[in-house]
């Protein structure tokens, strides 16, 4: 899919359709003699957010007992998601979850934490909206279902279960260099590449 921007803020695809910001839907458009300038998906998404399009959550998953490199990667992922204008959803506790939450919060983003416990105050200090599920590790299924894309940082059984659930639910699952390699997931070496893939998926899932 190639995206084109026609002034002032009309987004079209290479099939000539127009993106309806409010409905998150591609709709037929009147013929246009010129599609306008091709635009990167990330920039199109930022425009969509300013125009009031739906802010679909993106998940960041990773171990609680994380290495320094995994924490840095998670923080960068959270920051990148916030810069796209999208909310972050995660497990809401420590390790990679807290690092991603910190990155998103410091970039002005919204952080949703789906906690395994029934106490909302068990969330890390960067969570904006704590959801106290009270269902333990089964909350991994909520995280995988609630987002349209998942970024996996690091390994571990919990992270692997969320990767598997995300793939089973048809979500875009991105694995960063330290994450488990799983068939069907998109491997990305850099956060910038991952953010572009997320932006492209945002527009591709629109009817």
C-alpha atoms as a PDB file:
ATOM      1  CA  UNK A   1       0.000   0.000   0.000  1.00  0.00           C
ATOM      2  CA  UNK A   2       1.258   3.463  -0.941  1.00  0.00           C
ATOM      3  CA  UNK A   3      -0.214   6.451   0.895  1.00  0.00           C
ATOM      4  CA  UNK A   4      -0.684   9.887  -0.618  1.00  0.00           C
ATOM      5  CA  UNK A   5      -1.496  13.179   1.078  1.00  0.00           C
ATOM      6  CA  UNK A   6      -3.574  15.775  -0.724  1.00  0.00           C
ATOM      7  CA  UNK A   7      -3.943  19.170   0.885  1.00  0.00           C
ATOM      8  CA  UNK A   8      -5.021  20.024   3.450  1.00  0.00           C
ATOM      9  CA  UNK A   9      -5.304  16.662   5.187  1.00  0.00           C
ATOM     10  CA  UNK A  10      -6.910  14.147   2.840  1.00  0.00           C
ATOM     11  CA  UNK A  11      -5.169  10.770   2.870  1.00  0.00           C
ATOM     12  CA  UNK A  12      -5.614   8.450  -0.107  1.00  0.00           C
ATOM     13  CA  UNK A  13      -4.255   5.042  -0.996  1.00  0.00           C
ATOM     14  CA  UNK A  14      -2.988   3.714  -4.316  1.00  0.00           C
ATOM     15  CA  UNK A  15      -6.491   2.421  -5.086  1.00  0.00           C
ATOM     16  CA  UNK A  16      -7.827   5.998  -5.012  1.00  0.00           C
ATOM     17  CA  UNK A  17      -9.775   5.550  -1.788  1.00  0.00           C
ATOM     18  CA  UNK A  18      -9.974   8.207   0.930  1.00  0.00           C
ATOM     19  CA  UNK A  19      -9.318   7.500   4.608  1.00  0.00           C
ATOM     20  CA  UNK A  20     -12.229   8.476   6.863  1.00  0.00           C
ATOM     21  CA  UNK A  21     -10.469   9.612  10.043  1.00  0.00           C
ATOM     22  CA  UNK A  22     -13.456   9.312  12.383  1.00  0.00           C
ATOM     23  CA  UNK A  23     -14.681   5.902  11.171  1.00  0.00           C
ATOM     24  CA  UNK A  24     -11.195   4.380  10.677  1.00  0.00           C
ATOM     25  CA  UNK A  25     -12.289   3.184   7.264  1.00  0.00           C
ATOM     26  CA  UNK A  26     -11.222   3.475   3.631  1.00  0.00           C
ATOM     27  CA  UNK A  27     -14.110   4.906   1.593  1.00  0.00           C
ATOM     28  CA  UNK A  28     -14.648   5.548  -2.121  1.00  0.00           C
ATOM     29  CA  UNK A  29     -13.544   8.989  -3.222  1.00  0.00           C
ATOM     30  CA  UNK A  30     -14.313  11.276  -6.115  1.00  0.00           C
ATOM     31  CA  UNK A  31     -11.782  10.964  -8.947  1.00  0.00           C
ATOM     32  CA  UNK A  32      -8.778  13.175  -8.334  1.00  0.00           C
ATOM     33  CA  UNK A  33      -6.505  14.217 -11.208  1.00  0.00           C
ATOM     34  CA  UNK A  34      -3.510  14.008  -8.870  1.00  0.00           C
ATOM     35  CA  UNK A  35      -3.038  11.787  -5.841  1.00  0.00           C
ATOM     36  CA  UNK A  36      -0.671  14.262  -4.228  1.00  0.00           C
ATOM     37  CA  UNK A  37       2.636  13.511  -2.575  1.00  0.00           C
ATOM     38  CA  UNK A  38       3.558  10.030  -1.379  1.00  0.00           C
ATOM     39  CA  UNK A  39       3.908  10.004   2.390  1.00  0.00           C
ATOM     40  CA  UNK A  40       5.501   7.599   4.880  1.00  0.00           C
ATOM     41  CA  UNK A  41       3.061   5.642   7.024  1.00  0.00           C
ATOM     42  CA  UNK A  42       4.441   7.118  10.263  1.00  0.00           C
ATOM     43  CA  UNK A  43       3.815  10.668   9.091  1.00  0.00           C
ATOM     44  CA  UNK A  44       0.353   9.696   7.831  1.00  0.00           C
ATOM     45  CA  UNK A  45      -0.421   8.224  11.244  1.00  0.00           C
ATOM     46  CA  UNK A  46       0.630  11.397  13.054  1.00  0.00           C
ATOM     47  CA  UNK A  47      -1.720  13.365  10.801  1.00  0.00           C
ATOM     48  CA  UNK A  48      -4.483  10.829  11.453  1.00  0.00           C
ATOM     49  CA  UNK A  49      -4.101  11.250  15.199  1.00  0.00           C
ATOM     50  CA  UNK A  50      -4.352  15.037  14.930  1.00  0.00           C
ATOM     51  CA  UNK A  51      -7.461  14.588  12.765  1.00  0.00           C
ATOM     52  CA  UNK A  52      -9.194  12.530  15.441  1.00  0.00           C
ATOM     53  CA  UNK A  53      -8.682   8.990  14.131  1.00  0.00           C
ATOM     54  CA  UNK A  54      -8.984   6.074  16.541  1.00  0.00           C
ATOM     55  CA  UNK A  55      -6.070   5.651  18.930  1.00  0.00           C
ATOM     56  CA  UNK A  56      -5.637   1.902  18.778  1.00  0.00           C
ATOM     57  CA  UNK A  57      -3.295   0.526  21.483  1.00  0.00           C
ATOM     58  CA  UNK A  58       0.097  -1.022  20.798  1.00  0.00           C
ATOM     59  CA  UNK A  59       1.530  -3.547  23.248  1.00  0.00           C
ATOM     60  CA  UNK A  60       5.086  -3.839  24.512  1.00  0.00           C
ATOM     61  CA  UNK A  61       5.940  -7.157  26.115  1.00  0.00           C
ATOM     62  CA  UNK A  62       9.118  -8.354  27.784  1.00  0.00           C
ATOM     63  CA  UNK A  63      10.568  -9.870  30.941  1.00  0.00           C
ATOM     64  CA  UNK A  64      10.405  -8.422  34.420  1.00  0.00           C
ATOM     65  CA  UNK A  65      13.997  -9.531  35.034  1.00  0.00           C
ATOM     66  CA  UNK A  66      15.466  -7.728  32.036  1.00  0.00           C
ATOM     67  CA  UNK A  67      19.009  -6.862  30.969  1.00  0.00           C
ATOM     68  CA  UNK A  68      20.188  -3.283  30.523  1.00  0.00           C
ATOM     69  CA  UNK A  69      19.960  -3.582  26.730  1.00  0.00           C
ATOM     70  CA  UNK A  70      16.416  -4.976  26.941  1.00  0.00           C
ATOM     71  CA  UNK A  71      15.347  -2.139  29.231  1.00  0.00           C
ATOM     72  CA  UNK A  72      16.805   0.436  26.841  1.00  0.00           C
ATOM     73  CA  UNK A  73      15.034  -1.181  23.893  1.00  0.00           C
ATOM     74  CA  UNK A  74      11.710  -1.297  25.760  1.00  0.00           C
ATOM     75  CA  UNK A  75      12.010   2.365  26.713  1.00  0.00           C
ATOM     76  CA  UNK A  76      12.719   3.294  23.089  1.00  0.00           C
ATOM     77  CA  UNK A  77       9.701   1.263  21.964  1.00  0.00           C
ATOM     78  CA  UNK A  78       7.433   3.029  24.436  1.00  0.00           C
ATOM     79  CA  UNK A  79       8.753   6.408  23.332  1.00  0.00           C
ATOM     80  CA  UNK A  80       8.273   5.546  19.651  1.00  0.00           C
ATOM     81  CA  UNK A  81       4.679   4.430  20.201  1.00  0.00           C
ATOM     82  CA  UNK A  82       3.854   7.659  22.030  1.00  0.00           C
ATOM     83  CA  UNK A  83       5.449   9.705  19.262  1.00  0.00           C
ATOM     84  CA  UNK A  84       3.130   7.998  16.789  1.00  0.00           C
ATOM     85  CA  UNK A  85       0.235   9.292  18.896  1.00  0.00           C
ATOM     86  CA  UNK A  86      -0.883   5.815  19.958  1.00  0.00           C
ATOM     87  CA  UNK A  87      -1.508   4.524  23.507  1.00  0.00           C
ATOM     88  CA  UNK A  88       0.779   1.887  24.983  1.00  0.00           C
ATOM     89  CA  UNK A  89      -0.622  -1.207  26.671  1.00  0.00           C
ATOM     90  CA  UNK A  90       1.542  -3.486  28.792  1.00  0.00           C
ATOM     91  CA  UNK A  91       1.560  -5.642  31.909  1.00  0.00           C
ATOM     92  CA  UNK A  92       1.940  -2.553  34.061  1.00  0.00           C
ATOM     93  CA  UNK A  93       4.643  -3.789  36.433  1.00  0.00           C
ATOM     94  CA  UNK A  94       8.472  -3.685  36.420  1.00  0.00           C
ATOM     95  CA  UNK A  95      11.290  -4.568  34.066  1.00  0.00           C
ATOM     96  CA  UNK A  96      10.549  -4.049  30.397  1.00  0.00           C
ATOM     97  CA  UNK A  97       6.994  -3.025  31.266  1.00  0.00           C
ATOM     98  CA  UNK A  98       8.159  -0.143  33.447  1.00  0.00           C
ATOM     99  CA  UNK A  99      10.851   0.890  30.961  1.00  0.00           C
ATOM    100  CA  UNK A 100       8.322   1.035  28.112  1.00  0.00           C
ATOM    101  CA  UNK A 101       5.870   2.901  30.342  1.00  0.00           C
ATOM    102  CA  UNK A 102       8.545   5.445  31.254  1.00  0.00           C
ATOM    103  CA  UNK A 103       9.493   6.011  27.616  1.00  0.00           C
ATOM    104  CA  UNK A 104       5.869   6.531  26.585  1.00  0.00           C
ATOM    105  CA  UNK A 105       5.024   8.806  29.521  1.00  0.00           C
ATOM    106  CA  UNK A 106       8.090  10.994  29.049  1.00  0.00           C
ATOM    107  CA  UNK A 107       7.105  11.402  25.371  1.00  0.00           C
ATOM    108  CA  UNK A 108       3.616  12.546  26.399  1.00  0.00           C
ATOM    109  CA  UNK A 109       1.827   9.262  25.696  1.00  0.00           C
ATOM    110  CA  UNK A 110      -0.955   7.366  27.441  1.00  0.00           C
ATOM    111  CA  UNK A 111       0.003   4.129  29.216  1.00  0.00           C
ATOM    112  CA  UNK A 112      -2.526   1.381  29.985  1.00  0.00           C
ATOM    113  CA  UNK A 113      -1.344  -1.288  32.405  1.00  0.00           C
ATOM    114  CA  UNK A 114      -3.226  -4.602  32.616  1.00  0.00           C
ATOM    115  CA  UNK A 115      -2.173  -5.922  36.009  1.00  0.00           C
ATOM    116  CA  UNK A 116      -2.264  -9.544  37.124  1.00  0.00           C
ATOM    117  CA  UNK A 117      -3.325  -8.528  40.651  1.00  0.00           C
ATOM    118  CA  UNK A 118      -6.554  -6.979  41.924  1.00  0.00           C
ATOM    119  CA  UNK A 119      -4.801  -3.899  43.334  1.00  0.00           C
ATOM    120  CA  UNK A 120      -4.574  -0.984  40.853  1.00  0.00           C
ATOM    121  CA  UNK A 121      -1.860   0.599  43.020  1.00  0.00           C
ATOM    122  CA  UNK A 122       0.492  -2.272  42.158  1.00  0.00           C
ATOM    123  CA  UNK A 123       1.128  -0.596  38.792  1.00  0.00           C
ATOM    124  CA  UNK A 124       4.460   1.042  38.084  1.00  0.00           C
ATOM    125  CA  UNK A 125       4.474   4.856  38.545  1.00  0.00           C
ATOM    126  CA  UNK A 126       4.338   5.573  34.798  1.00  0.00           C
ATOM    127  CA  UNK A 127       1.006   3.810  34.158  1.00  0.00           C
ATOM    128  CA  UNK A 128      -1.766   6.304  33.357  1.00  0.00           C
ATOM    129  CA  UNK A 129      -4.665   3.820  33.386  1.00  0.00           C
ATOM    130  CA  UNK A 130      -4.208   0.762  35.649  1.00  0.00           C
ATOM    131  CA  UNK A 131      -6.580  -2.131  34.972  1.00  0.00           C
ATOM    132  CA  UNK A 132      -6.547  -4.512  37.926  1.00  0.00           C
ATOM    133  CA  UNK A 133      -7.545  -7.788  36.272  1.00  0.00           C
ATOM    134  CA  UNK A 134      -7.136 -10.067  39.278  1.00  0.00           C
ATOM    135  CA  UNK A 135      -6.628 -13.048  36.954  1.00  0.00           C
ATOM    136  CA  UNK A 136      -2.883 -13.512  37.249  1.00  0.00           C
ATOM    137  CA  UNK A 137      -0.849 -14.369  34.167  1.00  0.00           C
ATOM    138  CA  UNK A 138      -4.057 -15.058  32.243  1.00  0.00           C
ATOM    139  CA  UNK A 139      -4.093 -11.284  31.732  1.00  0.00           C
ATOM    140  CA  UNK A 140      -1.576 -11.904  28.930  1.00  0.00           C
ATOM    141  CA  UNK A 141      -4.538 -12.831  26.730  1.00  0.00           C
ATOM    142  CA  UNK A 142      -6.147  -9.445  27.441  1.00  0.00           C
ATOM    143  CA  UNK A 143      -3.008  -7.595  26.380  1.00  0.00           C
ATOM    144  CA  UNK A 144      -2.685  -9.604  23.159  1.00  0.00           C
ATOM    145  CA  UNK A 145      -6.364  -9.116  22.330  1.00  0.00           C
ATOM    146  CA  UNK A 146      -6.588  -5.408  23.202  1.00  0.00           C
ATOM    147  CA  UNK A 147      -3.809  -4.211  20.881  1.00  0.00           C
ATOM    148  CA  UNK A 148      -3.469  -4.331  17.100  1.00  0.00           C
ATOM    149  CA  UNK A 149       0.315  -4.728  17.249  1.00  0.00           C
ATOM    150  CA  UNK A 150       2.778  -6.140  19.777  1.00  0.00           C
ATOM    151  CA  UNK A 151       6.471  -5.333  20.206  1.00  0.00           C
ATOM    152  CA  UNK A 152       8.390  -8.111  21.960  1.00  0.00           C
ATOM    153  CA  UNK A 153      11.597  -7.175  23.790  1.00  0.00           C
ATOM    154  CA  UNK A 154      13.595  -9.981  25.388  1.00  0.00           C
ATOM    155  CA  UNK A 155      12.603 -13.548  26.111  1.00  0.00           C
ATOM    156  CA  UNK A 156      10.954 -15.601  28.813  1.00  0.00           C
ATOM    157  CA  UNK A 157       7.918 -17.851  29.002  1.00  0.00           C
ATOM    158  CA  UNK A 158       5.473 -15.006  29.674  1.00  0.00           C
ATOM    159  CA  UNK A 159       6.704 -13.046  26.676  1.00  0.00           C
ATOM    160  CA  UNK A 160       6.594 -16.140  24.506  1.00  0.00           C
ATOM    161  CA  UNK A 161       2.993 -16.817  25.513  1.00  0.00           C
ATOM    162  CA  UNK A 162       1.987 -13.278  24.539  1.00  0.00           C
ATOM    163  CA  UNK A 163       3.778 -13.631  21.195  1.00  0.00           C
ATOM    164  CA  UNK A 164       1.880 -16.866  20.518  1.00  0.00           C
ATOM    165  CA  UNK A 165      -1.451 -15.349  21.574  1.00  0.00           C
ATOM    166  CA  UNK A 166      -0.863 -12.279  19.413  1.00  0.00           C
ATOM    167  CA  UNK A 167      -0.099 -14.386  16.349  1.00  0.00           C
ATOM    168  CA  UNK A 168      -3.114 -16.617  16.992  1.00  0.00           C
ATOM    169  CA  UNK A 169      -5.325 -13.507  17.149  1.00  0.00           C
ATOM    170  CA  UNK A 170      -3.936 -12.165  13.883  1.00  0.00           C
ATOM    171  CA  UNK A 171      -2.050  -9.251  15.426  1.00  0.00           C
ATOM    172  CA  UNK A 172       1.142  -7.807  14.023  1.00  0.00           C
ATOM    173  CA  UNK A 173       3.866  -9.216  16.295  1.00  0.00           C
ATOM    174  CA  UNK A 174       7.290  -7.591  16.077  1.00  0.00           C
ATOM    175  CA  UNK A 175      10.309  -9.205  17.714  1.00  0.00           C
ATOM    176  CA  UNK A 176      13.309  -7.064  18.549  1.00  0.00           C
ATOM    177  CA  UNK A 177      16.867  -8.518  18.523  1.00  0.00           C
ATOM    178  CA  UNK A 178      16.800 -10.066  22.038  1.00  0.00           C
ATOM    179  CA  UNK A 179      13.304 -11.576  21.711  1.00  0.00           C
ATOM    180  CA  UNK A 180      12.315 -15.159  20.940  1.00  0.00           C
ATOM    181  CA  UNK A 181      12.250 -15.999  17.235  1.00  0.00           C
ATOM    182  CA  UNK A 182       8.807 -17.287  16.284  1.00  0.00           C
ATOM    183  CA  UNK A 183       7.433 -18.156  12.845  1.00  0.00           C
ATOM    184  CA  UNK A 184       4.953 -15.523  11.752  1.00  0.00           C
ATOM    185  CA  UNK A 185       6.495 -12.673  13.737  1.00  0.00           C
ATOM    186  CA  UNK A 186       8.240  -9.762  12.022  1.00  0.00           C
ATOM    187  CA  UNK A 187      11.882  -9.445  13.077  1.00  0.00           C
ATOM    188  CA  UNK A 188      13.130  -5.866  13.370  1.00  0.00           C
ATOM    189  CA  UNK A 189      16.643  -4.784  14.272  1.00  0.00           C
ATOM    190  CA  UNK A 190      15.785  -1.130  14.878  1.00  0.00           C
ATOM    191  CA  UNK A 191      12.931   0.661  16.655  1.00  0.00           C
ATOM    192  CA  UNK A 192      12.438   2.986  13.686  1.00  0.00           C
ATOM    193  CA  UNK A 193      11.721  -0.002  11.433  1.00  0.00           C
ATOM    194  CA  UNK A 194       9.277  -1.378  13.986  1.00  0.00           C
ATOM    195  CA  UNK A 195       7.423   1.936  14.235  1.00  0.00           C
ATOM    196  CA  UNK A 196       7.034   2.154  10.452  1.00  0.00           C
ATOM    197  CA  UNK A 197       5.653  -1.396  10.402  1.00  0.00           C
ATOM    198  CA  UNK A 198       3.139  -0.466  13.118  1.00  0.00           C
ATOM    199  CA  UNK A 199       2.024   2.605  11.189  1.00  0.00           C
ATOM    200  CA  UNK A 200       1.584   0.590   7.995  1.00  0.00           C
ATOM    201  CA  UNK A 201      -0.493  -2.032   9.831  1.00  0.00           C
ATOM    202  CA  UNK A 202      -2.726   0.689  11.300  1.00  0.00           C
ATOM    203  CA  UNK A 203      -3.874   1.652   7.811  1.00  0.00           C
ATOM    204  CA  UNK A 204      -3.940  -1.869   6.417  1.00  0.00           C
ATOM    205  CA  UNK A 205      -6.396  -3.160   9.034  1.00  0.00           C
ATOM    206  CA  UNK A 206      -8.899  -0.448   8.133  1.00  0.00           C
ATOM    207  CA  UNK A 207     -11.821  -1.869   6.081  1.00  0.00           C
END
